[in-house]
Amino acid sequence: MKKLIYTFVLITLSLCFFACAKTEPTVWLTDYQAALAQAKEEDKAVLLFFSGDSWDGMSTDAKERIYNTDKFLKAISKDFIAVNIDIDLKEANESEDEELSDEKVTKYMLAQEFAVQMMPDFFIVSSYGQVVQAITYNPDEQTDAKKVAKLYTKHAKRAKKLSQLAQQLETTEGFDRVKIINDIYDNTAQSHRFTIEDLGLEVCELDPENKSGYLGKFKLQQAYPQAMMSFSEGDLDTAVNSFLQLTDGDLLSKPEKQEAFYCAAYLYAMSGAEYINEAKANLQKAYDIDPKSEQSKEFLKMIEALDAELTEETTEDFIEENSAEQKDDN
């Protein structure tokens, strides 16, 4: 009888132990590289959280209401290794005489690498470091911890797929890499495809004759940094031609050609009222490629908006000129 009671106690304790272990919430790590390593080991994705606890009220609000709660952490623990990179603004503004520690420099470089624009900022990252999705904190909408957790867990499968593709790429050589790179590109967040620019360059080198049909896509992606560099230097013509030179021939698909013309229009529109007509012309070309596409509806709206802006600009110029003439007459 005593033996049976002893056995029962052991079983009960064991069940309690495993039940407790199963519901143990994850914790926030503070080392990104360690988080990636652990994610690889446990076949999980990484939830990367940039915060500014000492100076940003939204960061502390997000933690108190959602991200530090047991409900949220338990809900994501199956799929994610969570890492919080806290940026201290006082540290960032230290005088030049005071050297930043290696840890602080690492934090700032990581924030720059992920193009962090605001605090708090969240990224779902594969165990190989590719960005699957960027998620913005909205205190008005993100009120329930479990529902917020679903915003992240629904992307976990794609994060694991990206890790598998990256692992596959490590053991693949030659032209066979092109298809894998394309799959990595398609599964990477559009906002952060610039982080895999080197893979796009590789496609251009491996497939100069476009046997895969992916060359146009990656040529178009290469045009973005080239155009932005020229535009920042004040060379509008070179910036615009980075996109327009790709529209001749059959290298780009219809949606890609629309994207190229749209980008040219955007650069013209950003250059002032004197280039509004050029912006309209390129939007019209984008529309004409495929008038039935969803994007074409937006192009027409943009053309109308530019027309309105041009009319307003002309009216203001007319009023200004007449005011000047009246003053001269007086």
C-alpha atoms as a PDB file:
ATOM      1  CA  MET A   1       0.000   0.000   0.000  1.00  0.00           C
ATOM      2  CA  LYS A   2       2.791   2.412   0.946  1.00  0.00           C
ATOM      3  CA  LYS A   3       4.509   1.559  -2.328  1.00  0.00           C
ATOM      4  CA  LEU A   4       1.359   2.399  -4.294  1.00  0.00           C
ATOM      5  CA  ILE A   5       0.988   5.740  -2.476  1.00  0.00           C
ATOM      6  CA  TYR A   6       4.672   6.532  -3.107  1.00  0.00           C
ATOM      7  CA  THR A   7       4.284   5.692  -6.792  1.00  0.00           C
ATOM      8  CA  PHE A   8       1.132   7.825  -7.018  1.00  0.00           C
ATOM      9  CA  VAL A   9       2.930  10.787  -5.434  1.00  0.00           C
ATOM     10  CA  LEU A  10       5.822  10.455  -7.881  1.00  0.00           C
ATOM     11  CA  ILE A  11       3.451  10.347 -10.864  1.00  0.00           C
ATOM     12  CA  THR A  12       1.533  13.370  -9.555  1.00  0.00           C
ATOM     13  CA  LEU A  13       4.737  15.344  -9.054  1.00  0.00           C
ATOM     14  CA  SER A  14       5.952  14.380 -12.527  1.00  0.00           C
ATOM     15  CA  LEU A  15       2.698  15.471 -14.142  1.00  0.00           C
ATOM     16  CA  CYS A  16       2.826  18.741 -12.240  1.00  0.00           C
ATOM     17  CA  PHE A  17       6.417  19.306 -13.348  1.00  0.00           C
ATOM     18  CA  PHE A  18       5.684  18.717 -17.028  1.00  0.00           C
ATOM     19  CA  ALA A  19       2.484  20.760 -16.893  1.00  0.00           C
ATOM     20  CA  CYS A  20       4.372  23.656 -15.326  1.00  0.00           C
ATOM     21  CA  ALA A  21       7.195  23.330 -17.847  1.00  0.00           C
ATOM     22  CA  LYS A  22       4.711  23.365 -20.716  1.00  0.00           C
ATOM     23  CA  THR A  23       3.080  26.621 -19.609  1.00  0.00           C
ATOM     24  CA  GLU A  24       6.276  28.381 -18.606  1.00  0.00           C
ATOM     25  CA  PRO A  25       6.270  31.674 -20.548  1.00  0.00           C
ATOM     26  CA  THR A  26       9.199  32.676 -22.685  1.00  0.00           C
ATOM     27  CA  VAL A  27      11.418  35.534 -21.523  1.00  0.00           C
ATOM     28  CA  TRP A  28      12.944  38.420 -23.406  1.00  0.00           C
ATOM     29  CA  LEU A  29      16.595  37.886 -24.278  1.00  0.00           C
ATOM     30  CA  THR A  30      18.797  40.935 -24.817  1.00  0.00           C
ATOM     31  CA  ASP A  31      21.377  39.474 -27.218  1.00  0.00           C
ATOM     32  CA  TYR A  32      20.231  39.259 -30.853  1.00  0.00           C
ATOM     33  CA  GLN A  33      22.933  36.844 -32.004  1.00  0.00           C
ATOM     34  CA  ALA A  34      22.203  34.564 -29.051  1.00  0.00           C
ATOM     35  CA  ALA A  35      18.521  34.666 -29.982  1.00  0.00           C
ATOM     36  CA  LEU A  36      19.306  33.614 -33.566  1.00  0.00           C
ATOM     37  CA  ALA A  37      21.456  30.736 -32.326  1.00  0.00           C
ATOM     38  CA  GLN A  38      18.745  29.545 -29.945  1.00  0.00           C
ATOM     39  CA  ALA A  39      16.118  29.860 -32.686  1.00  0.00           C
ATOM     40  CA  LYS A  40      18.177  27.604 -34.965  1.00  0.00           C
ATOM     41  CA  GLU A  41      18.620  25.085 -32.177  1.00  0.00           C
ATOM     42  CA  GLU A  42      14.915  25.000 -31.307  1.00  0.00           C
ATOM     43  CA  ASP A  43      13.591  25.428 -34.870  1.00  0.00           C
ATOM     44  CA  LYS A  44      11.789  28.677 -34.052  1.00  0.00           C
ATOM     45  CA  ALA A  45      11.573  32.210 -35.397  1.00  0.00           C
ATOM     46  CA  VAL A  46      12.778  35.350 -33.629  1.00  0.00           C
ATOM     47  CA  LEU A  47      10.564  38.149 -32.367  1.00  0.00           C
ATOM     48  CA  LEU A  48      12.779  41.238 -32.339  1.00  0.00           C
ATOM     49  CA  PHE A  49      11.498  44.142 -30.224  1.00  0.00           C
ATOM     50  CA  PHE A  50      13.222  47.550 -30.283  1.00  0.00           C
ATOM     51  CA  SER A  51      12.269  49.780 -27.357  1.00  0.00           C
ATOM     52  CA  GLY A  52      13.315  53.015 -25.672  1.00  0.00           C
ATOM     53  CA  ASP A  53      12.247  52.448 -22.090  1.00  0.00           C
ATOM     54  CA  SER A  54      14.047  55.425 -20.569  1.00  0.00           C
ATOM     55  CA  TRP A  55      12.602  58.034 -22.921  1.00  0.00           C
ATOM     56  CA  ASP A  56       9.692  56.601 -24.920  1.00  0.00           C
ATOM     57  CA  GLY A  57       6.336  56.265 -23.184  1.00  0.00           C
ATOM     58  CA  MET A  58       4.926  54.095 -25.964  1.00  0.00           C
ATOM     59  CA  SER A  59       7.606  51.471 -25.300  1.00  0.00           C
ATOM     60  CA  THR A  60       6.793  51.182 -21.615  1.00  0.00           C
ATOM     61  CA  ASP A  61       3.069  51.241 -22.398  1.00  0.00           C
ATOM     62  CA  ALA A  62       3.472  48.395 -24.903  1.00  0.00           C
ATOM     63  CA  LYS A  63       5.361  46.295 -22.368  1.00  0.00           C
ATOM     64  CA  GLU A  64       2.950  46.915 -19.504  1.00  0.00           C
ATOM     65  CA  ARG A  65      -0.222  46.344 -21.522  1.00  0.00           C
ATOM     66  CA  ILE A  66       0.857  43.532 -23.854  1.00  0.00           C
ATOM     67  CA  TYR A  67       4.420  42.443 -24.406  1.00  0.00           C
ATOM     68  CA  ASN A  68       5.552  41.658 -20.856  1.00  0.00           C
ATOM     69  CA  THR A  69       2.335  39.898 -19.874  1.00  0.00           C
ATOM     70  CA  ASP A  70       2.259  36.162 -19.258  1.00  0.00           C
ATOM     71  CA  LYS A  71      -0.639  35.809 -21.706  1.00  0.00           C
ATOM     72  CA  PHE A  72       1.376  37.191 -24.586  1.00  0.00           C
ATOM     73  CA  LEU A  73       4.653  35.482 -23.742  1.00  0.00           C
ATOM     74  CA  LYS A  74       3.001  32.078 -23.278  1.00  0.00           C
ATOM     75  CA  ALA A  75       1.094  32.475 -26.540  1.00  0.00           C
ATOM     76  CA  ILE A  76       4.259  33.071 -28.591  1.00  0.00           C
ATOM     77  CA  SER A  77       6.586  30.681 -26.736  1.00  0.00           C
ATOM     78  CA  LYS A  78       5.889  27.736 -29.051  1.00  0.00           C
ATOM     79  CA  ASP A  79       6.984  29.631 -32.171  1.00  0.00           C
ATOM     80  CA  PHE A  80       9.386  32.387 -31.108  1.00  0.00           C
ATOM     81  CA  ILE A  81      12.564  33.251 -29.307  1.00  0.00           C
ATOM     82  CA  ALA A  82      11.919  36.765 -28.048  1.00  0.00           C
ATOM     83  CA  VAL A  83      14.673  39.394 -27.891  1.00  0.00           C
ATOM     84  CA  ASN A  84      14.353  42.992 -26.713  1.00  0.00           C
ATOM     85  CA  ILE A  85      16.912  45.579 -27.804  1.00  0.00           C
ATOM     86  CA  ASP A  86      16.453  48.631 -25.616  1.00  0.00           C
ATOM     87  CA  ILE A  87      17.966  51.851 -26.948  1.00  0.00           C
ATOM     88  CA  ASP A  88      18.864  54.491 -24.365  1.00  0.00           C
ATOM     89  CA  LEU A  89      18.644  57.918 -26.000  1.00  0.00           C
ATOM     90  CA  LYS A  90      20.934  59.432 -23.363  1.00  0.00           C
ATOM     91  CA  GLU A  91      23.598  56.902 -24.304  1.00  0.00           C
ATOM     92  CA  ALA A  92      23.142  57.739 -27.980  1.00  0.00           C
ATOM     93  CA  ASN A  93      23.708  61.436 -27.247  1.00  0.00           C
ATOM     94  CA  GLU A  94      26.857  61.031 -25.176  1.00  0.00           C
ATOM     95  CA  SER A  95      29.601  63.546 -25.913  1.00  0.00           C
ATOM     96  CA  GLU A  96      32.230  62.713 -28.476  1.00  0.00           C
ATOM     97  CA  ASP A  97      34.816  62.572 -25.688  1.00  0.00           C
ATOM     98  CA  GLU A  98      33.032  59.569 -24.167  1.00  0.00           C
ATOM     99  CA  GLU A  99      33.400  56.366 -26.148  1.00  0.00           C
ATOM    100  CA  LEU A 100      30.325  54.188 -26.495  1.00  0.00           C
ATOM    101  CA  SER A 101      30.644  50.652 -25.175  1.00  0.00           C
ATOM    102  CA  ASP A 102      30.700  47.761 -27.640  1.00  0.00           C
ATOM    103  CA  GLU A 103      27.257  46.740 -26.439  1.00  0.00           C
ATOM    104  CA  LYS A 104      25.784  50.174 -27.165  1.00  0.00           C
ATOM    105  CA  VAL A 105      27.407  50.339 -30.592  1.00  0.00           C
ATOM    106  CA  THR A 106      26.018  46.893 -31.409  1.00  0.00           C
ATOM    107  CA  LYS A 107      22.512  48.047 -30.464  1.00  0.00           C
ATOM    108  CA  TYR A 108      22.681  51.177 -32.626  1.00  0.00           C
ATOM    109  CA  MET A 109      24.086  49.274 -35.597  1.00  0.00           C
ATOM    110  CA  LEU A 110      21.342  46.666 -35.279  1.00  0.00           C
ATOM    111  CA  ALA A 111      18.667  49.375 -35.215  1.00  0.00           C
ATOM    112  CA  GLN A 112      20.234  50.883 -38.331  1.00  0.00           C
ATOM    113  CA  GLU A 113      20.415  47.484 -40.029  1.00  0.00           C
ATOM    114  CA  PHE A 114      16.670  47.007 -39.521  1.00  0.00           C
ATOM    115  CA  ALA A 115      15.921  50.607 -40.542  1.00  0.00           C
ATOM    116  CA  VAL A 116      14.139  51.327 -37.268  1.00  0.00           C
ATOM    117  CA  GLN A 117      12.172  54.555 -37.659  1.00  0.00           C
ATOM    118  CA  MET A 118      10.218  54.696 -34.424  1.00  0.00           C
ATOM    119  CA  MET A 119       9.877  53.188 -30.985  1.00  0.00           C
ATOM    120  CA  PRO A 120       8.602  50.676 -30.235  1.00  0.00           C
ATOM    121  CA  ASP A 121       9.287  48.661 -33.373  1.00  0.00           C
ATOM    122  CA  PHE A 122       8.782  44.926 -33.937  1.00  0.00           C
ATOM    123  CA  PHE A 123      10.132  42.462 -36.484  1.00  0.00           C
ATOM    124  CA  ILE A 124       9.514  38.787 -37.129  1.00  0.00           C
ATOM    125  CA  VAL A 125      12.851  37.358 -38.193  1.00  0.00           C
ATOM    126  CA  SER A 126      13.875  33.912 -39.396  1.00  0.00           C
ATOM    127  CA  SER A 127      16.599  32.058 -37.519  1.00  0.00           C
ATOM    128  CA  TYR A 128      18.952  33.100 -40.345  1.00  0.00           C
ATOM    129  CA  GLY A 129      18.135  36.804 -39.927  1.00  0.00           C
ATOM    130  CA  GLN A 130      15.742  37.501 -42.811  1.00  0.00           C
ATOM    131  CA  VAL A 131      12.864  39.833 -41.990  1.00  0.00           C
ATOM    132  CA  VAL A 132       9.525  38.104 -42.496  1.00  0.00           C
ATOM    133  CA  GLN A 133       7.265  40.909 -41.286  1.00  0.00           C
ATOM    134  CA  ALA A 134       7.480  44.294 -39.609  1.00  0.00           C
ATOM    135  CA  ILE A 135       4.680  45.056 -37.136  1.00  0.00           C
ATOM    136  CA  THR A 136       3.793  48.465 -35.727  1.00  0.00           C
ATOM    137  CA  TYR A 137       2.425  48.912 -32.228  1.00  0.00           C
ATOM    138  CA  ASN A 138      -1.037  50.472 -32.204  1.00  0.00           C
ATOM    139  CA  PRO A 139      -2.293  51.031 -28.636  1.00  0.00           C
ATOM    140  CA  ASP A 140      -5.850  51.709 -29.828  1.00  0.00           C
ATOM    141  CA  GLU A 141      -6.132  48.400 -31.674  1.00  0.00           C
ATOM    142  CA  GLN A 142      -3.733  46.157 -29.768  1.00  0.00           C
ATOM    143  CA  THR A 143      -5.581  45.751 -26.489  1.00  0.00           C
ATOM    144  CA  ASP A 144      -5.852  41.984 -26.039  1.00  0.00           C
ATOM    145  CA  ALA A 145      -2.606  40.076 -25.448  1.00  0.00           C
ATOM    146  CA  LYS A 146      -3.770  36.818 -27.038  1.00  0.00           C
ATOM    147  CA  LYS A 147      -5.088  38.572 -30.137  1.00  0.00           C
ATOM    148  CA  VAL A 148      -1.847  40.519 -30.473  1.00  0.00           C
ATOM    149  CA  ALA A 149       0.111  37.269 -30.191  1.00  0.00           C
ATOM    150  CA  LYS A 150      -1.812  35.962 -33.216  1.00  0.00           C
ATOM    151  CA  LEU A 151      -0.490  38.893 -35.262  1.00  0.00           C
ATOM    152  CA  TYR A 152       2.915  37.273 -34.787  1.00  0.00           C
ATOM    153  CA  THR A 153       2.217  33.547 -34.698  1.00  0.00           C
ATOM    154  CA  LYS A 154       0.425  33.641 -38.064  1.00  0.00           C
ATOM    155  CA  HIS A 155       3.796  34.487 -39.658  1.00  0.00           C
ATOM    156  CA  ALA A 156       5.755  31.756 -37.855  1.00  0.00           C
ATOM    157  CA  LYS A 157       5.314  29.212 -40.641  1.00  0.00           C
ATOM    158  CA  ARG A 158       6.753  31.584 -43.241  1.00  0.00           C
ATOM    159  CA  ALA A 159       9.676  32.363 -40.921  1.00  0.00           C
ATOM    160  CA  LYS A 160      10.483  28.664 -40.645  1.00  0.00           C
ATOM    161  CA  LYS A 161      10.247  28.336 -44.418  1.00  0.00           C
ATOM    162  CA  LEU A 162      12.769  31.157 -44.816  1.00  0.00           C
ATOM    163  CA  SER A 163      15.136  29.399 -42.420  1.00  0.00           C
ATOM    164  CA  GLN A 164      14.822  26.188 -44.428  1.00  0.00           C
ATOM    165  CA  LEU A 165      15.530  28.039 -47.671  1.00  0.00           C
ATOM    166  CA  ALA A 166      18.579  29.767 -46.167  1.00  0.00           C
ATOM    167  CA  GLN A 167      19.861  26.418 -44.920  1.00  0.00           C
ATOM    168  CA  GLN A 168      19.286  24.906 -48.344  1.00  0.00           C
ATOM    169  CA  LEU A 169      21.154  27.767 -50.002  1.00  0.00           C
ATOM    170  CA  GLU A 170      24.231  27.015 -47.898  1.00  0.00           C
ATOM    171  CA  THR A 171      24.645  23.634 -49.611  1.00  0.00           C
ATOM    172  CA  THR A 172      23.606  24.625 -53.156  1.00  0.00           C
ATOM    173  CA  GLU A 173      25.943  25.826 -55.886  1.00  0.00           C
ATOM    174  CA  GLY A 174      25.710  27.378 -59.338  1.00  0.00           C
ATOM    175  CA  PHE A 175      22.507  28.095 -61.250  1.00  0.00           C
ATOM    176  CA  ASP A 176      20.426  26.012 -58.837  1.00  0.00           C
ATOM    177  CA  ARG A 177      20.846  28.816 -56.298  1.00  0.00           C
ATOM    178  CA  VAL A 178      18.702  31.160 -58.418  1.00  0.00           C
ATOM    179  CA  LYS A 179      15.367  29.468 -57.634  1.00  0.00           C
ATOM    180  CA  ILE A 180      16.148  29.343 -53.908  1.00  0.00           C
ATOM    181  CA  ILE A 181      17.159  33.012 -53.872  1.00  0.00           C
ATOM    182  CA  ASN A 182      13.913  33.922 -55.602  1.00  0.00           C
ATOM    183  CA  ASP A 183      11.914  32.008 -52.983  1.00  0.00           C
ATOM    184  CA  ILE A 184      13.838  33.789 -50.208  1.00  0.00           C
ATOM    185  CA  TYR A 185      13.084  37.118 -51.860  1.00  0.00           C
ATOM    186  CA  ASP A 186       9.353  36.376 -52.164  1.00  0.00           C
ATOM    187  CA  ASN A 187       9.084  35.372 -48.500  1.00  0.00           C
ATOM    188  CA  THR A 188      11.058  38.355 -47.183  1.00  0.00           C
ATOM    189  CA  ALA A 189       9.079  41.413 -46.086  1.00  0.00           C
ATOM    190  CA  GLN A 190       8.876  43.876 -48.981  1.00  0.00           C
ATOM    191  CA  SER A 191       9.961  46.693 -46.664  1.00  0.00           C
ATOM    192  CA  HIS A 192      13.223  44.877 -45.897  1.00  0.00           C
ATOM    193  CA  ARG A 193      14.213  43.249 -49.169  1.00  0.00           C
ATOM    194  CA  PHE A 194      17.073  45.712 -49.310  1.00  0.00           C
ATOM    195  CA  THR A 195      18.724  43.566 -46.628  1.00  0.00           C
ATOM    196  CA  ILE A 196      19.200  40.749 -49.158  1.00  0.00           C
ATOM    197  CA  GLU A 197      20.477  42.955 -51.963  1.00  0.00           C
ATOM    198  CA  ASP A 198      23.628  40.818 -52.246  1.00  0.00           C
ATOM    199  CA  LEU A 199      21.502  37.800 -53.203  1.00  0.00           C
ATOM    200  CA  GLY A 200      19.858  39.817 -55.963  1.00  0.00           C
ATOM    201  CA  LEU A 201      23.262  40.691 -57.373  1.00  0.00           C
ATOM    202  CA  GLU A 202      24.106  37.012 -57.335  1.00  0.00           C
ATOM    203  CA  VAL A 203      21.067  36.190 -59.481  1.00  0.00           C
ATOM    204  CA  CYS A 204      22.235  38.718 -62.082  1.00  0.00           C
ATOM    205  CA  GLU A 205      25.643  37.033 -62.151  1.00  0.00           C
ATOM    206  CA  LEU A 206      24.323  33.467 -62.259  1.00  0.00           C
ATOM    207  CA  ASP A 207      21.585  34.088 -64.836  1.00  0.00           C
ATOM    208  CA  PRO A 208      22.625  36.891 -67.228  1.00  0.00           C
ATOM    209  CA  GLU A 209      20.514  35.366 -70.045  1.00  0.00           C
ATOM    210  CA  ASN A 210      17.389  35.258 -67.881  1.00  0.00           C
ATOM    211  CA  LYS A 211      16.811  31.521 -68.234  1.00  0.00           C
ATOM    212  CA  SER A 212      14.956  31.543 -64.932  1.00  0.00           C
ATOM    213  CA  GLY A 213      12.710  34.465 -65.805  1.00  0.00           C
ATOM    214  CA  TYR A 214      13.693  36.193 -62.555  1.00  0.00           C
ATOM    215  CA  LEU A 215      16.361  38.541 -63.903  1.00  0.00           C
ATOM    216  CA  GLY A 216      14.010  41.490 -64.461  1.00  0.00           C
ATOM    217  CA  LYS A 217      12.735  41.333 -60.897  1.00  0.00           C
ATOM    218  CA  PHE A 218      16.229  41.555 -59.450  1.00  0.00           C
ATOM    219  CA  LYS A 219      17.420  44.178 -61.941  1.00  0.00           C
ATOM    220  CA  LEU A 220      14.477  46.295 -60.812  1.00  0.00           C
ATOM    221  CA  GLN A 221      15.454  45.847 -57.174  1.00  0.00           C
ATOM    222  CA  GLN A 222      19.016  46.905 -57.973  1.00  0.00           C
ATOM    223  CA  ALA A 223      17.635  50.106 -59.493  1.00  0.00           C
ATOM    224  CA  TYR A 224      16.291  51.312 -56.140  1.00  0.00           C
ATOM    225  CA  PRO A 225      19.584  51.949 -54.310  1.00  0.00           C
ATOM    226  CA  GLN A 226      21.172  53.273 -57.521  1.00  0.00           C
ATOM    227  CA  ALA A 227      18.302  55.717 -58.044  1.00  0.00           C
ATOM    228  CA  MET A 228      18.246  56.848 -54.422  1.00  0.00           C
ATOM    229  CA  MET A 229      21.973  57.520 -54.480  1.00  0.00           C
ATOM    230  CA  SER A 230      21.726  59.623 -57.637  1.00  0.00           C
ATOM    231  CA  PHE A 231      18.634  61.434 -56.353  1.00  0.00           C
ATOM    232  CA  SER A 232      20.342  62.317 -53.067  1.00  0.00           C
ATOM    233  CA  GLU A 233      23.217  63.777 -55.078  1.00  0.00           C
ATOM    234  CA  GLY A 234      20.840  65.970 -57.067  1.00  0.00           C
ATOM    235  CA  ASP A 235      21.137  63.978 -60.305  1.00  0.00           C
ATOM    236  CA  LEU A 236      17.457  63.525 -61.179  1.00  0.00           C
ATOM    237  CA  ASP A 237      18.030  62.333 -64.768  1.00  0.00           C
ATOM    238  CA  THR A 238      20.291  59.458 -63.719  1.00  0.00           C
ATOM    239  CA  ALA A 239      17.940  58.542 -60.900  1.00  0.00           C
ATOM    240  CA  VAL A 240      14.916  58.367 -63.198  1.00  0.00           C
ATOM    241  CA  ASN A 241      16.809  56.462 -65.889  1.00  0.00           C
ATOM    242  CA  SER A 242      17.790  53.807 -63.361  1.00  0.00           C
ATOM    243  CA  PHE A 243      14.176  52.665 -63.699  1.00  0.00           C
ATOM    244  CA  LEU A 244      13.203  53.754 -67.212  1.00  0.00           C
ATOM    245  CA  GLN A 245      16.100  51.959 -68.923  1.00  0.00           C
ATOM    246  CA  LEU A 246      14.610  48.661 -67.749  1.00  0.00           C
ATOM    247  CA  THR A 247      11.230  49.247 -69.412  1.00  0.00           C
ATOM    248  CA  ASP A 248      12.459  48.615 -72.985  1.00  0.00           C
ATOM    249  CA  GLY A 249      12.070  45.073 -74.289  1.00  0.00           C
ATOM    250  CA  ASP A 250      10.681  42.053 -72.456  1.00  0.00           C
ATOM    251  CA  LEU A 251      12.981  41.896 -69.431  1.00  0.00           C
ATOM    252  CA  LEU A 252      10.253  43.110 -67.047  1.00  0.00           C
ATOM    253  CA  SER A 253       6.782  41.691 -66.616  1.00  0.00           C
ATOM    254  CA  LYS A 254       3.784  44.029 -66.916  1.00  0.00           C
ATOM    255  CA  PRO A 255       3.540  44.634 -63.131  1.00  0.00           C
ATOM    256  CA  GLU A 256       7.297  45.226 -62.997  1.00  0.00           C
ATOM    257  CA  LYS A 257       7.106  47.759 -65.823  1.00  0.00           C
ATOM    258  CA  GLN A 258       4.283  49.517 -64.011  1.00  0.00           C
ATOM    259  CA  GLU A 259       6.456  49.632 -60.908  1.00  0.00           C
ATOM    260  CA  ALA A 260       9.374  51.108 -62.879  1.00  0.00           C
ATOM    261  CA  PHE A 261       7.235  53.869 -64.427  1.00  0.00           C
ATOM    262  CA  TYR A 262       5.641  54.581 -61.054  1.00  0.00           C
ATOM    263  CA  CYS A 263       9.080  54.962 -59.432  1.00  0.00           C
ATOM    264  CA  ALA A 264      10.137  57.394 -62.153  1.00  0.00           C
ATOM    265  CA  ALA A 265       6.925  59.356 -61.603  1.00  0.00           C
ATOM    266  CA  TYR A 266       7.553  59.419 -57.864  1.00  0.00           C
ATOM    267  CA  LEU A 267      11.043  60.860 -58.317  1.00  0.00           C
ATOM    268  CA  TYR A 268       9.701  63.559 -60.629  1.00  0.00           C
ATOM    269  CA  ALA A 269       6.864  64.403 -58.215  1.00  0.00           C
ATOM    270  CA  MET A 270       9.357  64.705 -55.357  1.00  0.00           C
ATOM    271  CA  SER A 271      11.416  67.181 -57.385  1.00  0.00           C
ATOM    272  CA  GLY A 272       8.935  70.032 -57.360  1.00  0.00           C
ATOM    273  CA  ALA A 273       6.046  71.547 -59.308  1.00  0.00           C
ATOM    274  CA  GLU A 274       8.160  72.051 -62.433  1.00  0.00           C
ATOM    275  CA  TYR A 275       8.284  68.258 -62.925  1.00  0.00           C
ATOM    276  CA  ILE A 276       4.594  67.514 -62.384  1.00  0.00           C
ATOM    277  CA  ASN A 277       3.962  66.979 -66.099  1.00  0.00           C
ATOM    278  CA  GLU A 278       6.797  64.426 -66.266  1.00  0.00           C
ATOM    279  CA  ALA A 279       5.344  62.674 -63.236  1.00  0.00           C
ATOM    280  CA  LYS A 280       1.921  62.550 -64.895  1.00  0.00           C
ATOM    281  CA  ALA A 281       3.389  61.228 -68.142  1.00  0.00           C
ATOM    282  CA  ASN A 282       5.072  58.307 -66.381  1.00  0.00           C
ATOM    283  CA  LEU A 283       1.960  57.498 -64.376  1.00  0.00           C
ATOM    284  CA  GLN A 284       0.032  57.444 -67.637  1.00  0.00           C
ATOM    285  CA  LYS A 285       2.576  55.009 -69.116  1.00  0.00           C
ATOM    286  CA  ALA A 286       2.201  52.811 -66.051  1.00  0.00           C
ATOM    287  CA  TYR A 287      -1.571  52.870 -66.522  1.00  0.00           C
ATOM    288  CA  ASP A 288      -1.418  52.136 -70.264  1.00  0.00           C
ATOM    289  CA  ILE A 289       0.582  48.936 -69.718  1.00  0.00           C
ATOM    290  CA  ASP A 290      -2.388  47.246 -68.061  1.00  0.00           C
ATOM    291  CA  PRO A 291      -5.469  49.469 -67.596  1.00  0.00           C
ATOM    292  CA  LYS A 292      -7.423  46.644 -65.936  1.00  0.00           C
ATOM    293  CA  SER A 293      -4.963  46.031 -63.116  1.00  0.00           C
ATOM    294  CA  GLU A 294      -5.753  47.091 -59.552  1.00  0.00           C
ATOM    295  CA  GLN A 295      -2.710  49.372 -59.528  1.00  0.00           C
ATOM    296  CA  SER A 296      -3.982  51.244 -62.602  1.00  0.00           C
ATOM    297  CA  LYS A 297      -6.938  52.572 -60.625  1.00  0.00           C
ATOM    298  CA  GLU A 298      -4.488  54.109 -58.187  1.00  0.00           C
ATOM    299  CA  PHE A 299      -2.417  55.571 -61.024  1.00  0.00           C
ATOM    300  CA  LEU A 300      -5.478  57.422 -62.334  1.00  0.00           C
ATOM    301  CA  LYS A 301      -6.158  58.827 -58.852  1.00  0.00           C
ATOM    302  CA  MET A 302      -2.562  60.035 -58.666  1.00  0.00           C
ATOM    303  CA  ILE A 303      -2.830  61.719 -62.055  1.00  0.00           C
ATOM    304  CA  GLU A 304      -5.994  63.499 -60.898  1.00  0.00           C
ATOM    305  CA  ALA A 305      -4.261  64.611 -57.705  1.00  0.00           C
ATOM    306  CA  LEU A 306      -1.324  65.980 -59.695  1.00  0.00           C
ATOM    307  CA  ASP A 307      -3.723  67.786 -62.036  1.00  0.00           C
ATOM    308  CA  ALA A 308      -5.357  69.409 -59.023  1.00  0.00           C
ATOM    309  CA  GLU A 309      -1.978  70.381 -57.623  1.00  0.00           C
ATOM    310  CA  LEU A 310      -0.928  71.828 -60.978  1.00  0.00           C
ATOM    311  CA  THR A 311      -4.174  73.828 -61.216  1.00  0.00           C
ATOM    312  CA  GLU A 312      -3.689  75.172 -57.702  1.00  0.00           C
ATOM    313  CA  GLU A 313      -0.076  76.066 -58.467  1.00  0.00           C
ATOM    314  CA  THR A 314      -1.108  77.873 -61.667  1.00  0.00           C
ATOM    315  CA  THR A 315      -3.865  79.767 -59.826  1.00  0.00           C
ATOM    316  CA  GLU A 316      -1.471  80.855 -57.088  1.00  0.00           C
ATOM    317  CA  ASP A 317       1.041  82.028 -59.699  1.00  0.00           C
ATOM    318  CA  PHE A 318      -1.716  83.960 -61.518  1.00  0.00           C
ATOM    319  CA  ILE A 319      -2.859  85.671 -58.306  1.00  0.00           C
ATOM    320  CA  GLU A 320       0.710  86.481 -57.367  1.00  0.00           C
ATOM    321  CA  GLU A 321       1.481  87.958 -60.792  1.00  0.00           C
ATOM    322  CA  ASN A 322      -1.687  90.084 -60.791  1.00  0.00           C
ATOM    323  CA  SER A 323      -0.983  91.320 -57.273  1.00  0.00           C
ATOM    324  CA  ALA A 324       2.473  92.384 -58.377  1.00  0.00           C
ATOM    325  CA  GLU A 325       1.081  94.173 -61.460  1.00  0.00           C
ATOM    326  CA  GLN A 326      -1.465  96.065 -59.343  1.00  0.00           C
ATOM    327  CA  LYS A 327       1.250  97.244 -56.997  1.00  0.00           C
ATOM    328  CA  ASP A 328       3.293  98.453 -59.952  1.00  0.00           C
ATOM    329  CA  ASP A 329       0.256 100.364 -61.341  1.00  0.00           C
ATOM    330  CA  ASN A 330      -0.256 102.061 -58.020  1.00  0.00           C
END
